Amino acid sequence: MSCPICEKAPDPIYRPFCSKRCADLDLGKWLKGDYAVPSEEPEDVEEAFEQVIHQSSKPH
């Protein structure tokens, strides 16, 4: 497996990255939102709140 940022061989200390620089670049991408985990939840907070209220008001 190579470094996911620059494709060099990984350093055991920073694995799977080759250096602190590449690890920091990857972290920066997560923090900026360049990477995202897929979700089926609505992005709008108000819409999510309305869905929760609507679901909790249904008779069980």
PDB file of N, CA and C in Angstrom:
ATOM      1  N   MET A   1       0.848  -1.176   0.000  1.00  0.00           N
ATOM      2  CA  MET A   1       0.000   0.000   0.000  1.00  0.00           C
ATOM      3  C   MET A   1       0.894   1.240   0.000  1.00  0.00           C
ATOM      4  N   SER A   2       0.556   2.204  -0.811  1.00  0.00           N
ATOM      5  CA  SER A   2       1.342   3.430  -0.874  1.00  0.00           C
ATOM      6  C   SER A   2       0.584   4.573  -0.196  1.00  0.00           C
ATOM      7  N   CYS A   3       1.292   5.650   0.041  1.00  0.00           N
ATOM      8  CA  CYS A   3       0.708   6.837   0.663  1.00  0.00           C
ATOM      9  C   CYS A   3      -0.472   7.318  -0.186  1.00  0.00           C
ATOM     10  N   PRO A   4      -1.644   7.504   0.422  1.00  0.00           N
ATOM     11  CA  PRO A   4      -2.808   7.932  -0.351  1.00  0.00           C
ATOM     12  C   PRO A   4      -2.700   9.363  -0.898  1.00  0.00           C
ATOM     13  N   ILE A   5      -1.760  10.133  -0.414  1.00  0.00           N
ATOM     14  CA  ILE A   5      -1.601  11.510  -0.886  1.00  0.00           C
ATOM     15  C   ILE A   5      -0.592  11.587  -2.024  1.00  0.00           C
ATOM     16  N   CYS A   6       0.613  11.028  -1.823  1.00  0.00           N
ATOM     17  CA  CYS A   6       1.668  11.200  -2.831  1.00  0.00           C
ATOM     18  C   CYS A   6       2.145   9.901  -3.473  1.00  0.00           C
ATOM     19  N   GLU A   7       1.633   8.768  -3.007  1.00  0.00           N
ATOM     20  CA  GLU A   7       1.949   7.456  -3.581  1.00  0.00           C
ATOM     21  C   GLU A   7       3.347   6.917  -3.231  1.00  0.00           C
ATOM     22  N   LYS A   8       4.072   7.584  -2.327  1.00  0.00           N
ATOM     23  CA  LYS A   8       5.369   7.055  -1.880  1.00  0.00           C
ATOM     24  C   LYS A   8       5.129   5.910  -0.898  1.00  0.00           C
ATOM     25  N   ALA A   9       6.203   5.205  -0.560  1.00  0.00           N
ATOM     26  CA  ALA A   9       6.110   4.123   0.419  1.00  0.00           C
ATOM     27  C   ALA A   9       5.754   4.704   1.793  1.00  0.00           C
ATOM     28  N   PRO A  10       4.893   4.044   2.546  1.00  0.00           N
ATOM     29  CA  PRO A  10       4.502   4.584   3.853  1.00  0.00           C
ATOM     30  C   PRO A  10       5.616   4.463   4.890  1.00  0.00           C
ATOM     31  N   ASP A  11       5.615   5.392   5.819  1.00  0.00           N
ATOM     32  CA  ASP A  11       6.530   5.377   6.953  1.00  0.00           C
ATOM     33  C   ASP A  11       5.759   4.726   8.105  1.00  0.00           C
ATOM     34  N   PRO A  12       6.333   3.748   8.793  1.00  0.00           N
ATOM     35  CA  PRO A  12       5.606   3.078   9.880  1.00  0.00           C
ATOM     36  C   PRO A  12       5.066   4.044  10.944  1.00  0.00           C
ATOM     37  N   ILE A  13       5.748   5.146  11.157  1.00  0.00           N
ATOM     38  CA  ILE A  13       5.305   6.115  12.165  1.00  0.00           C
ATOM     39  C   ILE A  13       4.023   6.826  11.725  1.00  0.00           C
ATOM     40  N   TYR A  14       3.893   7.091  10.444  1.00  0.00           N
ATOM     41  CA  TYR A  14       2.747   7.858   9.926  1.00  0.00           C
ATOM     42  C   TYR A  14       1.799   7.006   9.089  1.00  0.00           C
ATOM     43  N   ARG A  15       1.953   5.705   9.140  1.00  0.00           N
ATOM     44  CA  ARG A  15       1.187   4.793   8.313  1.00  0.00           C
ATOM     45  C   ARG A  15      -0.297   5.120   8.327  1.00  0.00           C
ATOM     46  N   PRO A  16      -0.979   5.202   7.235  1.00  0.00           N
ATOM     47  CA  PRO A  16      -0.621   4.783   5.891  1.00  0.00           C
ATOM     48  C   PRO A  16       0.094   5.860   5.083  1.00  0.00           C
ATOM     49  N   PHE A  17       0.456   6.957   5.724  1.00  0.00           N
ATOM     50  CA  PHE A  17       1.106   8.066   5.023  1.00  0.00           C
ATOM     51  C   PHE A  17       2.624   7.908   5.055  1.00  0.00           C
ATOM     52  N   CYS A  18       3.293   8.651   4.180  1.00  0.00           N
ATOM     53  CA  CYS A  18       4.755   8.572   4.121  1.00  0.00           C
ATOM     54  C   CYS A  18       5.414   9.588   5.046  1.00  0.00           C
ATOM     55  N   SER A  19       4.654  10.598   5.482  1.00  0.00           N
ATOM     56  CA  SER A  19       5.245  11.657   6.302  1.00  0.00           C
ATOM     57  C   SER A  19       4.155  12.400   7.067  1.00  0.00           C
ATOM     58  N   LYS A  20       4.598  13.211   8.021  1.00  0.00           N
ATOM     59  CA  LYS A  20       3.658  14.050   8.773  1.00  0.00           C
ATOM     60  C   LYS A  20       2.968  15.034   7.832  1.00  0.00           C
ATOM     61  N   ARG A  21       3.701  15.515   6.849  1.00  0.00           N
ATOM     62  CA  ARG A  21       3.132  16.463   5.887  1.00  0.00           C
ATOM     63  C   ARG A  21       1.924  15.858   5.169  1.00  0.00           C
ATOM     64  N   CYS A  22       2.074  14.636   4.662  1.00  0.00           N
ATOM     65  CA  CYS A  22       0.960  14.001   3.958  1.00  0.00           C
ATOM     66  C   CYS A  22      -0.198  13.697   4.908  1.00  0.00           C
ATOM     67  N   ALA A  23       0.117  13.291   6.143  1.00  0.00           N
ATOM     68  CA  ALA A  23      -0.937  13.054   7.128  1.00  0.00           C
ATOM     69  C   ALA A  23      -1.696  14.346   7.419  1.00  0.00           C
ATOM     70  N   ASP A  24      -0.970  15.448   7.552  1.00  0.00           N
ATOM     71  CA  ASP A  24      -1.607  16.743   7.807  1.00  0.00           C
ATOM     72  C   ASP A  24      -2.438  17.215   6.617  1.00  0.00           C
ATOM     73  N   LEU A  25      -1.941  16.967   5.395  1.00  0.00           N
ATOM     74  CA  LEU A  25      -2.720  17.326   4.205  1.00  0.00           C
ATOM     75  C   LEU A  25      -4.035  16.563   4.175  1.00  0.00           C
ATOM     76  N   ASP A  26      -3.995  15.281   4.515  1.00  0.00           N
ATOM     77  CA  ASP A  26      -5.206  14.470   4.536  1.00  0.00           C
ATOM     78  C   ASP A  26      -6.179  14.977   5.606  1.00  0.00           C
ATOM     79  N   LEU A  27      -5.668  15.285   6.780  1.00  0.00           N
ATOM     80  CA  LEU A  27      -6.512  15.820   7.845  1.00  0.00           C
ATOM     81  C   LEU A  27      -7.156  17.129   7.410  1.00  0.00           C
ATOM     82  N   GLY A  28      -6.383  17.983   6.757  1.00  0.00           N
ATOM     83  CA  GLY A  28      -6.914  19.252   6.260  1.00  0.00           C
ATOM     84  C   GLY A  28      -8.053  19.040   5.280  1.00  0.00           C
ATOM     85  N   LYS A  29      -7.946  18.014   4.438  1.00  0.00           N
ATOM     86  CA  LYS A  29      -9.031  17.722   3.493  1.00  0.00           C
ATOM     87  C   LYS A  29     -10.302  17.319   4.226  1.00  0.00           C
ATOM     88  N   TRP A  30     -10.154  16.521   5.284  1.00  0.00           N
ATOM     89  CA  TRP A  30     -11.334  16.148   6.071  1.00  0.00           C
ATOM     90  C   TRP A  30     -11.951  17.380   6.732  1.00  0.00           C
ATOM     91  N   LEU A  31     -11.109  18.222   7.310  1.00  0.00           N
ATOM     92  CA  LEU A  31     -11.617  19.392   8.027  1.00  0.00           C
ATOM     93  C   LEU A  31     -12.274  20.416   7.103  1.00  0.00           C
ATOM     94  N   LYS A  32     -11.789  20.519   5.866  1.00  0.00           N
ATOM     95  CA  LYS A  32     -12.390  21.446   4.900  1.00  0.00           C
ATOM     96  C   LYS A  32     -13.653  20.880   4.265  1.00  0.00           C
ATOM     97  N   GLY A  33     -13.897  19.593   4.463  1.00  0.00           N
ATOM     98  CA  GLY A  33     -15.074  18.972   3.873  1.00  0.00           C
ATOM     99  C   GLY A  33     -14.845  18.425   2.480  1.00  0.00           C
ATOM    100  N   ASP A  34     -13.575  18.306   2.081  1.00  0.00           N
ATOM    101  CA  ASP A  34     -13.283  17.725   0.767  1.00  0.00           C
ATOM    102  C   ASP A  34     -13.683  16.256   0.722  1.00  0.00           C
ATOM    103  N   TYR A  35     -13.590  15.585   1.855  1.00  0.00           N
ATOM    104  CA  TYR A  35     -14.041  14.200   1.967  1.00  0.00           C
ATOM    105  C   TYR A  35     -15.362  14.231   2.722  1.00  0.00           C
ATOM    106  N   ALA A  36     -16.209  13.293   2.420  1.00  0.00           N
ATOM    107  CA  ALA A  36     -17.468  13.214   3.148  1.00  0.00           C
ATOM    108  C   ALA A  36     -17.924  11.767   3.208  1.00  0.00           C
ATOM    109  N   VAL A  37     -18.539  11.421   4.308  1.00  0.00           N
ATOM    110  CA  VAL A  37     -19.119  10.108   4.466  1.00  0.00           C
ATOM    111  C   VAL A  37     -20.567  10.202   3.995  1.00  0.00           C
ATOM    112  N   PRO A  38     -20.980   9.331   3.076  1.00  0.00           N
ATOM    113  CA  PRO A  38     -22.348   9.404   2.577  1.00  0.00           C
ATOM    114  C   PRO A  38     -23.370   9.237   3.705  1.00  0.00           C
ATOM    115  N   SER A  39     -24.450   9.958   3.587  1.00  0.00           N
ATOM    116  CA  SER A  39     -25.504   9.903   4.588  1.00  0.00           C
ATOM    117  C   SER A  39     -26.850  10.040   3.911  1.00  0.00           C
ATOM    118  N   GLU A  40     -27.848   9.404   4.470  1.00  0.00           N
ATOM    119  CA  GLU A  40     -29.205   9.556   3.963  1.00  0.00           C
ATOM    120  C   GLU A  40     -29.967  10.604   4.764  1.00  0.00           C
ATOM    121  N   GLU A  41     -29.306  11.199   5.735  1.00  0.00           N
ATOM    122  CA  GLU A  41     -29.925  12.242   6.541  1.00  0.00           C
ATOM    123  C   GLU A  41     -30.002  13.537   5.742  1.00  0.00           C
ATOM    124  N   PRO A  42     -31.073  14.308   5.930  1.00  0.00           N
ATOM    125  CA  PRO A  42     -31.158  15.591   5.221  1.00  0.00           C
ATOM    126  C   PRO A  42     -30.080  16.549   5.701  1.00  0.00           C
ATOM    127  N   GLU A  43     -29.573  17.348   4.777  1.00  0.00           N
ATOM    128  CA  GLU A  43     -28.521  18.297   5.132  1.00  0.00           C
ATOM    129  C   GLU A  43     -29.079  19.483   5.923  1.00  0.00           C
ATOM    130  N   ASP A  44     -30.305  19.818   5.667  1.00  0.00           N
ATOM    131  CA  ASP A  44     -30.913  20.960   6.328  1.00  0.00           C
ATOM    132  C   ASP A  44     -31.345  20.563   7.745  1.00  0.00           C
ATOM    133  N   VAL A  45     -30.873  21.265   8.742  1.00  0.00           N
ATOM    134  CA  VAL A  45     -31.167  20.945  10.132  1.00  0.00           C
ATOM    135  C   VAL A  45     -32.664  21.056  10.415  1.00  0.00           C
ATOM    136  N   GLU A  46     -33.302  22.078   9.889  1.00  0.00           N
ATOM    137  CA  GLU A  46     -34.737  22.241  10.120  1.00  0.00           C
ATOM    138  C   GLU A  46     -35.530  21.090   9.510  1.00  0.00           C
ATOM    139  N   GLU A  47     -35.130  20.657   8.318  1.00  0.00           N
ATOM    140  CA  GLU A  47     -35.808  19.533   7.676  1.00  0.00           C
ATOM    141  C   GLU A  47     -35.635  18.262   8.509  1.00  0.00           C
ATOM    142  N   ALA A  48     -34.447  18.052   9.035  1.00  0.00           N
ATOM    143  CA  ALA A  48     -34.185  16.881   9.873  1.00  0.00           C
ATOM    144  C   ALA A  48     -35.047  16.932  11.129  1.00  0.00           C
ATOM    145  N   PHE A  49     -35.147  18.094  11.734  1.00  0.00           N
ATOM    146  CA  PHE A  49     -35.958  18.266  12.939  1.00  0.00           C
ATOM    147  C   PHE A  49     -37.423  17.955  12.642  1.00  0.00           C
ATOM    148  N   GLU A  50     -37.936  18.471  11.527  1.00  0.00           N
ATOM    149  CA  GLU A  50     -39.327  18.212  11.148  1.00  0.00           C
ATOM    150  C   GLU A  50     -39.572  16.726  10.927  1.00  0.00           C
ATOM    151  N   GLN A  51     -38.616  16.026  10.320  1.00  0.00           N
ATOM    152  CA  GLN A  51     -38.768  14.587  10.099  1.00  0.00           C
ATOM    153  C   GLN A  51     -38.835  13.838  11.426  1.00  0.00           C
ATOM    154  N   VAL A  52     -38.011  14.225  12.381  1.00  0.00           N
ATOM    155  CA  VAL A  52     -38.019  13.570  13.685  1.00  0.00           C
ATOM    156  C   VAL A  52     -39.349  13.806  14.378  1.00  0.00           C
ATOM    157  N   ILE A  53     -39.840  15.036  14.340  1.00  0.00           N
ATOM    158  CA  ILE A  53     -41.122  15.363  14.965  1.00  0.00           C
ATOM    159  C   ILE A  53     -42.240  14.571  14.290  1.00  0.00           C
ATOM    160  N   HIS A  54     -42.230  14.521  12.964  1.00  0.00           N
ATOM    161  CA  HIS A  54     -43.265  13.817  12.217  1.00  0.00           C
ATOM    162  C   HIS A  54     -43.245  12.332  12.541  1.00  0.00           C
ATOM    163  N   GLN A  55     -42.065  11.726  12.620  1.00  0.00           N
ATOM    164  CA  GLN A  55     -41.958  10.306  12.913  1.00  0.00           C
ATOM    165  C   GLN A  55     -42.381   9.994  14.351  1.00  0.00           C
ATOM    166  N   SER A  56     -42.065  10.882  15.272  1.00  0.00           N
ATOM    167  CA  SER A  56     -42.410  10.614  16.682  1.00  0.00           C
ATOM    168  C   SER A  56     -43.890  10.838  16.961  1.00  0.00           C
ATOM    169  N   SER A  57     -44.585  11.568  16.076  1.00  0.00           N
ATOM    170  CA  SER A  57     -46.009  11.813  16.301  1.00  0.00           C
ATOM    171  C   SER A  57     -46.899  10.742  15.679  1.00  0.00           C
ATOM    172  N   LYS A  58     -46.296   9.816  14.907  1.00  0.00           N
ATOM    173  CA  LYS A  58     -47.076   8.723  14.321  1.00  0.00           C
ATOM    174  C   LYS A  58     -47.476   7.749  15.411  1.00  0.00           C
ATOM    175  N   PRO A  59     -48.709   7.229  15.337  1.00  0.00           N
ATOM    176  CA  PRO A  59     -49.109   6.201  16.318  1.00  0.00           C
ATOM    177  C   PRO A  59     -48.320   4.914  16.084  1.00  0.00           C
ATOM    178  N   HIS A  60     -47.954   4.263  17.160  1.00  0.00           N
ATOM    179  CA  HIS A  60     -47.145   3.028  17.041  1.00  0.00           C
ATOM    180  C   HIS A  60     -48.021   1.839  17.067  1.00  0.00           C
TER     181      HIS A  60
END
